[in-house]
């Protein structure tokens, strides 16, 4: 009877009476005690070192950053002639639209600078003024005034090197053919060729005798 009572008592214990997680505890001093209270000392070999995992650190210079650095080195320290200097003593006295356009292409990558009129920085009319000055054509630093001195031409007759001017005279650049413009775009941009984003434009030609 005694054995049977003990067996029943054991079966009646709730399931959480024994928690495997509490079968042993570790004291603050590093000693480990089992459920019977027996002390167990843990020994760590002196050659074992604590390891810390860290993600690899990779550094690389993006192509765009390299390009900006190259542009800055090429154009930032410009000390050459101004547009006025070129107008008095043209670098390219033989005028043609193709020649004008090819000269303008050389300044791709120059940063936009409001009021800029040399290769350290251009705004839209400063860019056209500087390029045309190299062919002995003196222009004002103004979209409106450059528009006024040009000869209007039809879109069908426009060629690379002609000026494309927005009808509200807010912007201008060189016509680049196939519906594109070569221009100094806006703050944060650089001289580039891109598709015209508006049809509200007209074309003028300079250099006609």
N, C-alpha and C. Protein backbone atom coordinates (compact mmCIF):
# COMPACT_ATOMS: atom_id res chain seq x y z
N UNK A 1 0.82 -1.19 0.00
CA UNK A 1 0.00 0.00 0.00
C UNK A 1 0.85 1.25 0.00
N UNK A 2 1.90 1.15 0.84
CA UNK A 2 2.78 2.33 0.90
C UNK A 2 3.36 2.64 -0.47
N UNK A 3 3.83 1.62 -1.21
CA UNK A 3 4.41 1.81 -2.54
C UNK A 3 3.38 2.38 -3.51
N UNK A 4 2.16 1.86 -3.44
CA UNK A 4 1.10 2.34 -4.34
C UNK A 4 0.77 3.78 -4.07
N UNK A 5 0.74 4.18 -2.82
CA UNK A 5 0.44 5.58 -2.47
C UNK A 5 1.51 6.51 -2.98
N UNK A 6 2.75 6.07 -2.86
CA UNK A 6 3.86 6.91 -3.36
C UNK A 6 3.78 7.06 -4.85
N UNK A 7 3.43 5.97 -5.56
CA UNK A 7 3.32 6.03 -7.02
C UNK A 7 2.22 6.97 -7.44
N UNK A 8 1.09 6.92 -6.76
CA UNK A 8 -0.04 7.82 -7.08
C UNK A 8 0.36 9.25 -6.82
N UNK A 9 1.07 9.49 -5.74
CA UNK A 9 1.50 10.86 -5.41
C UNK A 9 2.41 11.41 -6.48
N UNK A 10 3.31 10.55 -7.03
CA UNK A 10 4.23 11.00 -8.07
C UNK A 10 3.48 11.35 -9.33
N UNK A 11 2.53 10.53 -9.71
CA UNK A 11 1.74 10.79 -10.91
C UNK A 11 0.93 12.06 -10.76
N UNK A 12 0.53 12.40 -9.57
CA UNK A 12 -0.33 13.56 -9.33
C UNK A 12 0.42 14.87 -9.37
N UNK A 13 1.76 14.86 -9.38
CA UNK A 13 2.52 16.11 -9.41
C UNK A 13 2.21 16.87 -10.68
N UNK A 14 2.05 18.20 -10.62
CA UNK A 14 1.79 18.99 -11.84
C UNK A 14 2.98 18.92 -12.78
N UNK A 15 2.72 19.19 -14.09
CA UNK A 15 3.76 19.04 -15.11
C UNK A 15 4.88 20.04 -14.94
N UNK A 16 4.62 21.16 -14.27
CA UNK A 16 5.67 22.16 -14.14
C UNK A 16 6.46 22.01 -12.85
N UNK A 17 6.30 20.92 -12.15
CA UNK A 17 7.02 20.75 -10.89
C UNK A 17 8.50 20.63 -11.10
N UNK A 18 8.93 20.16 -12.28
CA UNK A 18 10.36 20.05 -12.59
C UNK A 18 10.63 20.86 -13.84
N UNK A 19 11.46 21.89 -13.71
CA UNK A 19 11.80 22.75 -14.85
C UNK A 19 13.23 22.46 -15.26
N UNK A 20 13.44 21.86 -16.42
CA UNK A 20 14.82 21.54 -16.85
C UNK A 20 15.73 22.74 -16.85
N UNK A 21 15.15 23.92 -17.06
CA UNK A 21 16.00 25.12 -17.12
C UNK A 21 16.56 25.49 -15.77
N UNK A 22 15.87 25.02 -14.72
CA UNK A 22 16.35 25.34 -13.38
C UNK A 22 17.13 24.20 -12.75
N UNK A 23 17.49 23.22 -13.54
CA UNK A 23 18.22 22.07 -13.02
C UNK A 23 19.58 22.45 -12.50
N UNK A 24 20.12 23.53 -12.99
CA UNK A 24 21.42 23.98 -12.51
C UNK A 24 21.45 25.48 -12.62
N UNK A 25 22.15 26.16 -11.75
CA UNK A 25 22.30 27.60 -11.77
C UNK A 25 23.76 27.95 -11.66
N UNK A 26 24.09 29.15 -12.14
CA UNK A 26 25.47 29.61 -12.07
C UNK A 26 25.53 30.78 -11.14
N UNK A 27 26.40 30.73 -10.17
CA UNK A 27 26.54 31.83 -9.22
C UNK A 27 27.36 32.94 -9.83
N UNK A 28 27.30 34.10 -9.19
CA UNK A 28 28.03 35.26 -9.71
C UNK A 28 29.51 35.00 -9.75
N UNK A 29 30.02 34.13 -8.91
CA UNK A 29 31.45 33.87 -8.88
C UNK A 29 31.93 32.88 -9.91
N UNK A 30 31.01 32.33 -10.72
CA UNK A 30 31.42 31.41 -11.76
C UNK A 30 31.24 29.97 -11.36
N UNK A 31 30.84 29.69 -10.08
CA UNK A 31 30.61 28.32 -9.65
C UNK A 31 29.24 27.89 -10.10
N UNK A 32 29.09 26.64 -10.47
CA UNK A 32 27.83 26.11 -10.97
C UNK A 32 27.29 25.12 -9.94
N UNK A 33 26.00 25.25 -9.59
CA UNK A 33 25.38 24.35 -8.61
C UNK A 33 24.31 23.55 -9.29
N UNK A 34 24.29 22.23 -9.03
CA UNK A 34 23.23 21.42 -9.62
C UNK A 34 22.03 21.42 -8.69
N UNK A 35 21.00 20.66 -9.06
CA UNK A 35 19.75 20.70 -8.30
C UNK A 35 19.91 20.14 -6.89
N UNK A 36 20.97 19.40 -6.61
CA UNK A 36 21.20 18.85 -5.29
C UNK A 36 22.05 19.76 -4.44
N UNK A 37 22.48 20.90 -5.04
CA UNK A 37 23.29 21.85 -4.28
C UNK A 37 24.76 21.57 -4.33
N UNK A 38 25.17 20.57 -5.10
CA UNK A 38 26.60 20.28 -5.22
C UNK A 38 27.27 21.34 -6.08
N UNK A 39 28.37 21.85 -5.63
CA UNK A 39 29.09 22.91 -6.34
C UNK A 39 29.98 22.32 -7.42
N UNK A 40 29.95 22.93 -8.60
CA UNK A 40 30.79 22.52 -9.73
C UNK A 40 31.55 23.73 -10.24
N UNK A 41 32.87 23.67 -10.24
CA UNK A 41 33.68 24.77 -10.72
C UNK A 41 33.96 24.60 -12.21
N UNK A 42 33.76 25.69 -12.95
CA UNK A 42 34.02 25.67 -14.39
C UNK A 42 35.40 26.22 -14.66
N UNK A 43 36.20 25.52 -15.40
CA UNK A 43 37.55 25.97 -15.74
C UNK A 43 37.62 26.24 -17.24
N UNK A 44 38.22 27.38 -17.61
CA UNK A 44 38.38 27.77 -19.01
C UNK A 44 39.85 27.79 -19.33
N UNK A 45 40.23 27.12 -20.38
CA UNK A 45 41.63 27.08 -20.79
C UNK A 45 42.15 28.48 -21.06
N UNK A 46 43.38 28.75 -20.59
CA UNK A 46 43.96 30.08 -20.76
C UNK A 46 44.12 30.49 -22.21
N UNK A 47 44.20 29.53 -23.12
CA UNK A 47 44.41 29.84 -24.53
C UNK A 47 43.15 30.27 -25.27
N UNK A 48 42.00 30.12 -24.60
CA UNK A 48 40.74 30.49 -25.24
C UNK A 48 40.56 32.00 -25.15
N UNK A 49 40.26 32.63 -26.29
CA UNK A 49 40.06 34.09 -26.32
C UNK A 49 38.64 34.38 -26.77
N UNK A 50 38.10 35.44 -26.20
CA UNK A 50 36.75 35.86 -26.59
C UNK A 50 36.79 36.43 -28.00
N UNK A 51 35.88 36.01 -28.83
CA UNK A 51 35.84 36.45 -30.22
C UNK A 51 34.63 37.36 -30.45
N UNK A 52 34.85 38.40 -31.19
CA UNK A 52 33.77 39.32 -31.56
C UNK A 52 33.63 39.31 -33.08
N UNK A 53 32.44 39.06 -33.56
CA UNK A 53 32.20 39.05 -35.01
C UNK A 53 31.79 40.43 -35.46
N UNK A 54 32.34 40.88 -36.56
CA UNK A 54 31.98 42.19 -37.11
C UNK A 54 31.89 42.07 -38.62
N UNK A 55 30.97 42.84 -39.19
CA UNK A 55 30.80 42.82 -40.65
C UNK A 55 32.02 43.42 -41.33
N UNK A 56 32.38 42.85 -42.47
CA UNK A 56 33.50 43.41 -43.23
C UNK A 56 33.18 44.82 -43.67
N UNK A 57 34.16 45.68 -43.62
CA UNK A 57 33.99 47.06 -44.06
C UNK A 57 34.67 47.24 -45.41
N UNK A 58 33.86 47.55 -46.43
CA UNK A 58 34.40 47.75 -47.77
C UNK A 58 34.23 49.21 -48.16
N UNK A 59 35.24 49.77 -48.74
CA UNK A 59 35.15 51.15 -49.22
C UNK A 59 35.52 51.18 -50.69
N UNK A 60 34.72 51.95 -51.45
CA UNK A 60 34.97 52.06 -52.89
C UNK A 60 34.50 53.42 -53.35
N UNK A 61 35.20 53.99 -54.29
CA UNK A 61 34.82 55.28 -54.84
C UNK A 61 33.93 55.04 -56.06
N UNK A 62 32.72 55.56 -56.01
CA UNK A 62 31.78 55.37 -57.10
C UNK A 62 32.27 56.07 -58.35
N UNK A 63 31.95 55.52 -59.53
CA UNK A 63 32.35 56.16 -60.79
C UNK A 63 31.88 57.61 -60.89
N UNK A 64 30.66 57.87 -60.40
CA UNK A 64 30.14 59.25 -60.48
C UNK A 64 30.99 60.21 -59.65
N UNK A 65 31.48 59.73 -58.50
CA UNK A 65 32.33 60.57 -57.66
C UNK A 65 33.65 60.86 -58.37
N UNK A 66 34.23 59.83 -58.98
CA UNK A 66 35.47 60.02 -59.72
C UNK A 66 35.28 61.01 -60.86
N UNK A 67 34.14 60.93 -61.53
CA UNK A 67 33.88 61.84 -62.64
C UNK A 67 33.76 63.28 -62.14
N UNK A 68 33.06 63.47 -61.01
CA UNK A 68 32.95 64.82 -60.46
C UNK A 68 34.31 65.37 -60.06
N UNK A 69 35.14 64.51 -59.49
CA UNK A 69 36.48 64.96 -59.09
C UNK A 69 37.30 65.35 -60.31
N UNK A 70 37.17 64.59 -61.39
CA UNK A 70 37.90 64.91 -62.62
C UNK A 70 37.42 66.23 -63.20
N UNK A 71 36.09 66.44 -63.20
CA UNK A 71 35.54 67.71 -63.70
C UNK A 71 36.05 68.89 -62.87
N UNK A 72 36.03 68.69 -61.54
CA UNK A 72 36.46 69.79 -60.67
C UNK A 72 37.92 70.16 -60.93
N UNK A 73 38.76 69.15 -61.11
CA UNK A 73 40.17 69.41 -61.38
C UNK A 73 40.36 70.10 -62.72
N UNK A 74 39.54 69.73 -63.70
CA UNK A 74 39.71 70.25 -65.05
C UNK A 74 39.24 71.69 -65.17
N UNK A 75 38.14 72.03 -64.47
CA UNK A 75 37.50 73.32 -64.74
C UNK A 75 37.59 74.34 -63.60
N UNK A 76 37.83 73.91 -62.38
CA UNK A 76 37.67 74.83 -61.26
C UNK A 76 38.69 75.95 -61.24
N UNK A 77 39.88 75.72 -61.76
CA UNK A 77 40.95 76.71 -61.65
C UNK A 77 41.16 77.45 -62.98
N UNK A 78 40.06 77.75 -63.68
CA UNK A 78 40.18 78.41 -64.97
C UNK A 78 40.76 79.82 -64.82
N UNK A 79 41.80 80.09 -65.59
CA UNK A 79 42.44 81.42 -65.56
C UNK A 79 42.63 81.96 -66.98
N UNK A 80 41.91 81.36 -67.94
CA UNK A 80 42.08 81.76 -69.34
C UNK A 80 41.28 82.98 -69.71
N UNK A 81 41.15 83.24 -71.00
CA UNK A 81 40.45 84.45 -71.48
C UNK A 81 38.97 84.42 -71.10
N UNK A 82 38.41 85.61 -70.94
CA UNK A 82 36.98 85.75 -70.72
C UNK A 82 36.28 85.83 -72.06
N UNK A 83 34.96 85.85 -72.05
CA UNK A 83 34.20 86.01 -73.29
C UNK A 83 34.57 87.32 -73.97
N UNK A 84 34.74 88.38 -73.20
CA UNK A 84 35.12 89.68 -73.77
C UNK A 84 36.50 89.62 -74.43
N UNK A 85 37.42 88.89 -73.80
CA UNK A 85 38.76 88.74 -74.38
C UNK A 85 38.67 88.01 -75.72
N UNK A 86 37.88 86.93 -75.74
CA UNK A 86 37.74 86.17 -76.98
C UNK A 86 37.06 86.98 -78.07
N UNK A 87 36.08 87.78 -77.70
CA UNK A 87 35.37 88.58 -78.71
C UNK A 87 36.32 89.54 -79.41
N UNK A 88 37.33 90.04 -78.68
CA UNK A 88 38.31 90.96 -79.26
C UNK A 88 39.36 90.22 -80.08
N UNK A 89 39.67 89.01 -79.64
CA UNK A 89 40.72 88.23 -80.30
C UNK A 89 40.26 86.78 -80.40
N UNK A 90 39.41 86.46 -81.37
CA UNK A 90 38.78 85.14 -81.44
C UNK A 90 39.79 84.01 -81.52
N UNK A 91 39.50 82.94 -80.80
CA UNK A 91 40.34 81.75 -80.87
C UNK A 91 40.08 80.98 -82.16
N UNK A 92 38.87 81.12 -82.70
CA UNK A 92 38.48 80.40 -83.92
C UNK A 92 37.84 81.39 -84.90
N UNK A 93 38.62 82.11 -85.64
CA UNK A 93 38.07 83.16 -86.52
C UNK A 93 37.22 82.62 -87.66
N UNK A 94 37.39 81.35 -88.02
CA UNK A 94 36.62 80.78 -89.11
C UNK A 94 35.33 80.20 -88.56
N UNK A 95 34.20 80.88 -88.85
CA UNK A 95 32.92 80.53 -88.24
C UNK A 95 32.18 79.47 -89.04
N UNK A 96 31.60 78.50 -88.34
CA UNK A 96 30.62 77.58 -88.90
C UNK A 96 29.80 77.03 -87.73
N UNK A 97 28.56 76.64 -88.01
CA UNK A 97 27.73 76.10 -86.94
C UNK A 97 28.31 74.81 -86.38
N UNK A 98 28.84 73.96 -87.25
CA UNK A 98 29.46 72.72 -86.78
C UNK A 98 30.61 73.00 -85.83
N UNK A 99 31.43 74.00 -86.19
CA UNK A 99 32.57 74.33 -85.35
C UNK A 99 32.11 74.86 -84.00
N UNK A 100 31.09 75.72 -84.02
CA UNK A 100 30.55 76.25 -82.76
C UNK A 100 30.06 75.12 -81.87
N UNK A 101 29.31 74.20 -82.47
CA UNK A 101 28.76 73.10 -81.68
C UNK A 101 29.87 72.21 -81.11
N UNK A 102 30.86 71.91 -81.92
CA UNK A 102 31.96 71.07 -81.43
C UNK A 102 32.74 71.74 -80.32
N UNK A 103 32.88 73.06 -80.40
CA UNK A 103 33.53 73.79 -79.31
C UNK A 103 32.68 73.71 -78.05
N UNK A 104 31.37 73.88 -78.21
CA UNK A 104 30.48 73.83 -77.05
C UNK A 104 30.53 72.46 -76.37
N UNK A 105 30.66 71.41 -77.16
CA UNK A 105 30.72 70.06 -76.60
C UNK A 105 31.91 69.86 -75.67
N UNK A 106 32.96 70.63 -75.88
CA UNK A 106 34.16 70.48 -75.05
C UNK A 106 33.91 70.84 -73.59
N UNK A 107 32.81 71.54 -73.33
CA UNK A 107 32.54 72.00 -71.97
C UNK A 107 31.51 71.15 -71.23
N UNK A 108 31.21 69.98 -71.80
CA UNK A 108 30.34 69.07 -71.05
C UNK A 108 30.99 68.74 -69.71
N UNK A 109 30.21 68.79 -68.67
CA UNK A 109 30.71 68.51 -67.33
C UNK A 109 31.00 69.74 -66.51
N UNK A 110 31.04 70.92 -67.14
CA UNK A 110 31.25 72.15 -66.36
C UNK A 110 30.03 72.36 -65.46
N UNK A 111 30.23 72.67 -64.20
CA UNK A 111 29.08 72.84 -63.30
C UNK A 111 28.27 74.09 -63.62
N UNK A 112 26.98 74.00 -63.35
CA UNK A 112 26.12 75.18 -63.45
C UNK A 112 26.42 76.12 -62.28
N UNK A 113 26.65 77.38 -62.60
CA UNK A 113 26.83 78.42 -61.59
C UNK A 113 26.01 79.62 -62.04
N UNK A 114 25.10 80.06 -61.21
CA UNK A 114 24.29 81.22 -61.57
C UNK A 114 25.19 82.43 -61.78
N UNK A 115 25.07 83.05 -62.95
CA UNK A 115 25.92 84.19 -63.30
C UNK A 115 27.27 83.80 -63.87
N UNK A 116 27.53 82.48 -63.98
CA UNK A 116 28.83 82.03 -64.47
C UNK A 116 28.98 82.20 -65.97
N UNK A 117 30.18 82.60 -66.39
CA UNK A 117 30.42 82.85 -67.82
C UNK A 117 31.81 82.42 -68.24
N UNK A 118 32.38 81.43 -67.56
CA UNK A 118 33.65 80.85 -67.98
C UNK A 118 33.69 79.39 -67.52
N UNK A 119 34.67 78.62 -67.94
CA UNK A 119 34.66 77.18 -67.64
C UNK A 119 34.80 76.77 -66.19
N UNK A 120 34.89 77.72 -65.26
CA UNK A 120 34.80 77.34 -63.86
C UNK A 120 33.34 77.17 -63.45
N UNK A 121 32.41 77.64 -64.29
CA UNK A 121 30.98 77.52 -64.03
C UNK A 121 30.20 78.38 -65.01
N UNK A 122 29.14 77.82 -65.58
CA UNK A 122 28.29 78.53 -66.54
C UNK A 122 26.85 78.55 -66.06
N UNK A 123 26.15 79.65 -66.38
CA UNK A 123 24.70 79.56 -66.46
C UNK A 123 24.33 79.48 -67.93
N UNK A 124 23.05 79.43 -68.27
CA UNK A 124 22.69 79.09 -69.64
C UNK A 124 23.18 80.12 -70.66
N UNK A 125 22.95 81.40 -70.39
CA UNK A 125 23.37 82.43 -71.35
C UNK A 125 24.87 82.70 -71.26
N UNK A 126 25.47 82.47 -70.09
CA UNK A 126 26.92 82.61 -69.99
C UNK A 126 27.64 81.57 -70.83
N UNK A 127 27.06 80.38 -70.92
CA UNK A 127 27.63 79.30 -71.72
C UNK A 127 27.60 79.66 -73.21
N UNK A 128 26.45 80.05 -73.72
CA UNK A 128 26.35 80.40 -75.14
C UNK A 128 27.20 81.62 -75.47
N UNK A 129 27.23 82.60 -74.56
CA UNK A 129 28.04 83.80 -74.77
C UNK A 129 29.51 83.45 -74.89
N UNK A 130 30.01 82.58 -73.99
CA UNK A 130 31.43 82.24 -73.96
C UNK A 130 31.84 81.50 -75.23
N UNK A 131 31.00 80.56 -75.68
CA UNK A 131 31.35 79.78 -76.87
C UNK A 131 31.33 80.66 -78.12
N UNK A 132 30.28 81.44 -78.28
CA UNK A 132 30.20 82.28 -79.48
C UNK A 132 31.28 83.35 -79.50
N UNK A 133 31.73 83.80 -78.34
CA UNK A 133 32.81 84.80 -78.30
C UNK A 133 34.08 84.26 -78.94
N UNK A 134 34.29 82.95 -78.87
CA UNK A 134 35.49 82.36 -79.45
C UNK A 134 35.49 82.43 -80.98
N UNK A 135 34.34 82.78 -81.53
CA UNK A 135 34.22 82.96 -82.99
C UNK A 135 33.99 84.43 -83.35
N UNK A 136 34.33 85.30 -82.40
CA UNK A 136 34.27 86.74 -82.66
C UNK A 136 32.88 87.33 -82.59
N UNK A 137 31.91 86.60 -82.05
CA UNK A 137 30.54 87.10 -81.94
C UNK A 137 30.29 87.49 -80.48
N UNK A 138 30.12 88.78 -80.26
CA UNK A 138 29.94 89.29 -78.91
C UNK A 138 28.46 89.29 -78.55
N UNK A 139 28.11 88.64 -77.46
CA UNK A 139 26.72 88.55 -77.00
C UNK A 139 26.61 89.09 -75.58
N UNK A 140 25.44 89.60 -75.27
CA UNK A 140 25.15 90.01 -73.89
C UNK A 140 24.90 88.77 -73.04
N UNK A 141 25.12 88.92 -71.76
CA UNK A 141 24.88 87.81 -70.83
C UNK A 141 23.40 87.84 -70.44
N UNK A 142 22.56 87.52 -71.42
CA UNK A 142 21.12 87.62 -71.22
C UNK A 142 20.40 86.80 -72.28
N UNK A 143 19.46 85.95 -71.86
CA UNK A 143 18.68 85.17 -72.82
C UNK A 143 17.89 86.10 -73.73
N UNK A 144 17.24 87.10 -73.15
CA UNK A 144 16.41 88.03 -73.92
C UNK A 144 17.23 88.76 -74.97
N UNK A 145 18.38 89.25 -74.61
CA UNK A 145 19.18 90.04 -75.55
C UNK A 145 19.83 89.16 -76.62
N UNK A 146 20.20 87.94 -76.27
CA UNK A 146 20.73 87.03 -77.29
C UNK A 146 19.63 86.65 -78.29
N UNK A 147 18.43 86.46 -77.78
CA UNK A 147 17.29 86.17 -78.65
C UNK A 147 17.05 87.32 -79.62
N UNK A 148 17.19 88.54 -79.13
CA UNK A 148 16.87 89.72 -79.94
C UNK A 148 17.84 89.92 -81.09
N UNK A 149 19.11 89.49 -80.93
CA UNK A 149 20.10 89.74 -81.99
C UNK A 149 20.19 88.58 -82.98
N UNK A 150 19.53 87.47 -82.69
CA UNK A 150 19.57 86.33 -83.59
C UNK A 150 18.52 86.44 -84.69
N UNK A 151 18.70 85.66 -85.73
CA UNK A 151 17.74 85.59 -86.84
C UNK A 151 16.84 84.39 -86.60
N UNK A 152 15.53 84.60 -86.48
CA UNK A 152 14.63 83.47 -86.25
C UNK A 152 14.66 82.48 -87.43
N UNK A 153 14.66 81.20 -87.13
CA UNK A 153 14.63 80.16 -88.14
C UNK A 153 13.57 79.13 -87.74
N UNK A 154 13.13 78.35 -88.68
CA UNK A 154 12.11 77.34 -88.39
C UNK A 154 12.76 76.14 -87.73
N UNK A 155 11.98 75.37 -86.98
CA UNK A 155 12.53 74.15 -86.38
C UNK A 155 13.11 73.20 -87.41
N UNK A 156 12.51 73.16 -88.60
CA UNK A 156 13.00 72.27 -89.64
C UNK A 156 14.38 72.68 -90.14
N UNK A 157 14.70 73.96 -90.03
CA UNK A 157 15.99 74.46 -90.51
C UNK A 157 17.06 74.46 -89.42
N UNK A 158 16.68 74.23 -88.19
CA UNK A 158 17.63 74.32 -87.08
C UNK A 158 18.70 73.25 -87.20
N UNK A 159 19.95 73.66 -86.90
CA UNK A 159 21.11 72.77 -86.96
C UNK A 159 21.88 72.85 -85.64
N UNK A 160 22.65 71.81 -85.32
CA UNK A 160 23.50 71.89 -84.13
C UNK A 160 24.38 73.14 -84.20
N UNK A 161 24.38 73.90 -83.12
CA UNK A 161 25.10 75.17 -83.08
C UNK A 161 24.16 76.36 -83.06
N UNK A 162 22.94 76.21 -83.61
CA UNK A 162 21.93 77.25 -83.46
C UNK A 162 21.50 77.34 -82.01
N UNK A 163 20.89 78.46 -81.66
CA UNK A 163 20.37 78.60 -80.30
C UNK A 163 18.92 78.13 -80.24
N UNK A 164 18.60 77.38 -79.22
CA UNK A 164 17.21 77.02 -78.93
C UNK A 164 16.82 77.78 -77.66
N UNK A 165 15.74 78.56 -77.77
CA UNK A 165 15.36 79.48 -76.69
C UNK A 165 13.92 79.18 -76.27
N UNK A 166 13.71 79.06 -74.99
CA UNK A 166 12.36 78.82 -74.48
C UNK A 166 11.52 80.09 -74.68
N UNK A 167 10.27 79.89 -75.06
CA UNK A 167 9.42 81.02 -75.45
C UNK A 167 9.24 82.04 -74.34
N UNK A 168 9.28 81.60 -73.07
CA UNK A 168 9.18 82.56 -71.97
C UNK A 168 10.52 83.16 -71.62
N UNK A 169 11.55 82.81 -72.39
CA UNK A 169 12.92 83.33 -72.24
C UNK A 169 13.51 83.04 -70.85
N UNK A 170 13.08 81.91 -70.29
CA UNK A 170 13.63 81.48 -69.01
C UNK A 170 14.90 80.68 -69.16
N UNK A 171 15.18 80.21 -70.40
CA UNK A 171 16.31 79.31 -70.58
C UNK A 171 16.68 79.24 -72.06
N UNK A 172 17.95 78.83 -72.30
CA UNK A 172 18.41 78.64 -73.67
C UNK A 172 19.58 77.68 -73.68
N UNK A 173 19.96 77.25 -74.87
CA UNK A 173 21.12 76.39 -75.04
C UNK A 173 21.40 76.23 -76.53
N UNK A 174 22.33 75.35 -76.83
CA UNK A 174 22.64 75.04 -78.22
C UNK A 174 21.74 73.90 -78.70
N UNK A 175 21.17 74.07 -79.89
CA UNK A 175 20.44 72.95 -80.44
C UNK A 175 21.45 71.84 -80.75
N UNK A 176 21.10 70.60 -80.35
CA UNK A 176 22.02 69.48 -80.52
C UNK A 176 21.54 68.49 -81.57
N UNK A 177 20.47 68.83 -82.28
CA UNK A 177 19.93 67.94 -83.29
C UNK A 177 19.05 66.85 -82.69
N UNK A 178 18.16 66.32 -83.50
CA UNK A 178 17.28 65.21 -83.08
C UNK A 178 16.49 65.53 -81.82
N UNK A 179 16.06 66.78 -81.69
CA UNK A 179 15.24 67.15 -80.54
C UNK A 179 15.98 67.27 -79.23
N UNK A 180 17.30 67.45 -79.27
CA UNK A 180 18.12 67.55 -78.07
C UNK A 180 18.67 68.96 -77.88
N UNK A 181 19.06 69.24 -76.66
CA UNK A 181 19.66 70.53 -76.32
C UNK A 181 20.96 70.29 -75.57
N UNK A 182 21.98 71.08 -75.88
CA UNK A 182 23.25 71.11 -75.14
C UNK A 182 23.22 72.38 -74.32
N UNK A 183 23.25 72.26 -73.00
CA UNK A 183 23.00 73.45 -72.18
C UNK A 183 23.60 73.31 -70.79
N UNK A 184 23.66 74.46 -70.10
CA UNK A 184 23.98 74.49 -68.67
C UNK A 184 22.63 74.50 -67.95
N UNK A 185 22.24 73.40 -67.32
CA UNK A 185 20.83 73.21 -66.94
C UNK A 185 20.34 74.03 -65.75
N UNK A 186 20.85 73.76 -64.58
CA UNK A 186 20.34 74.41 -63.37
C UNK A 186 21.29 74.10 -62.21
N UNK A 187 21.00 74.69 -61.06
CA UNK A 187 21.84 74.49 -59.89
C UNK A 187 21.98 73.00 -59.56
N UNK A 188 23.20 72.56 -59.39
CA UNK A 188 23.47 71.16 -59.11
C UNK A 188 23.72 70.34 -60.36
N UNK A 189 23.43 70.91 -61.53
CA UNK A 189 23.65 70.20 -62.79
C UNK A 189 24.97 70.60 -63.43
N UNK A 190 25.25 69.97 -64.55
CA UNK A 190 26.45 70.24 -65.32
C UNK A 190 26.10 70.31 -66.79
N UNK A 191 26.92 70.98 -67.55
CA UNK A 191 26.67 71.10 -68.98
C UNK A 191 26.50 69.70 -69.57
N UNK A 192 25.42 69.51 -70.30
CA UNK A 192 25.11 68.19 -70.84
C UNK A 192 24.18 68.29 -72.03
N UNK A 193 24.08 67.18 -72.76
CA UNK A 193 23.12 67.04 -73.85
C UNK A 193 21.96 66.21 -73.32
N UNK A 194 20.73 66.68 -73.58
CA UNK A 194 19.56 65.92 -73.17
C UNK A 194 18.39 66.27 -74.08
N UNK A 195 17.35 65.43 -74.10
CA UNK A 195 16.19 65.74 -74.93
C UNK A 195 15.48 67.00 -74.44
N UNK A 196 14.97 67.78 -75.38
CA UNK A 196 14.14 68.93 -75.02
C UNK A 196 12.89 68.42 -74.32
N UNK A 197 12.52 69.05 -73.22
CA UNK A 197 11.39 68.61 -72.42
C UNK A 197 10.14 69.45 -72.68
N UNK A 198 10.24 70.37 -73.61
CA UNK A 198 9.10 71.23 -73.93
C UNK A 198 9.10 71.55 -75.41
N UNK A 199 7.91 71.75 -75.94
CA UNK A 199 7.80 72.20 -77.35
C UNK A 199 7.64 73.72 -77.42
N UNK A 200 7.56 74.37 -76.28
CA UNK A 200 7.41 75.83 -76.25
C UNK A 200 8.77 76.49 -76.39
N UNK A 201 9.40 76.27 -77.55
CA UNK A 201 10.72 76.82 -77.82
C UNK A 201 10.74 77.37 -79.25
N UNK A 202 11.74 78.19 -79.52
CA UNK A 202 11.99 78.65 -80.88
C UNK A 202 13.49 78.68 -81.10
N UNK A 203 13.88 78.88 -82.36
CA UNK A 203 15.29 78.76 -82.76
C UNK A 203 15.75 80.06 -83.40
N UNK A 204 17.00 80.44 -83.08
CA UNK A 204 17.61 81.60 -83.73
C UNK A 204 19.02 81.22 -84.19
N UNK A 205 19.44 81.91 -85.21
CA UNK A 205 20.78 81.64 -85.75
C UNK A 205 21.62 82.91 -85.63
N UNK A 206 22.83 82.73 -85.20
CA UNK A 206 23.79 83.81 -85.08
C UNK A 206 24.87 83.64 -86.14
N UNK A 207 25.61 84.71 -86.42
CA UNK A 207 26.74 84.62 -87.35
C UNK A 207 26.37 84.84 -88.79
N UNK A 208 25.10 85.15 -89.06
CA UNK A 208 24.71 85.43 -90.45
C UNK A 208 25.20 86.80 -90.85
N UNK A 209 25.78 86.92 -92.04
CA UNK A 209 26.28 88.21 -92.53
C UNK A 209 25.15 88.96 -93.24
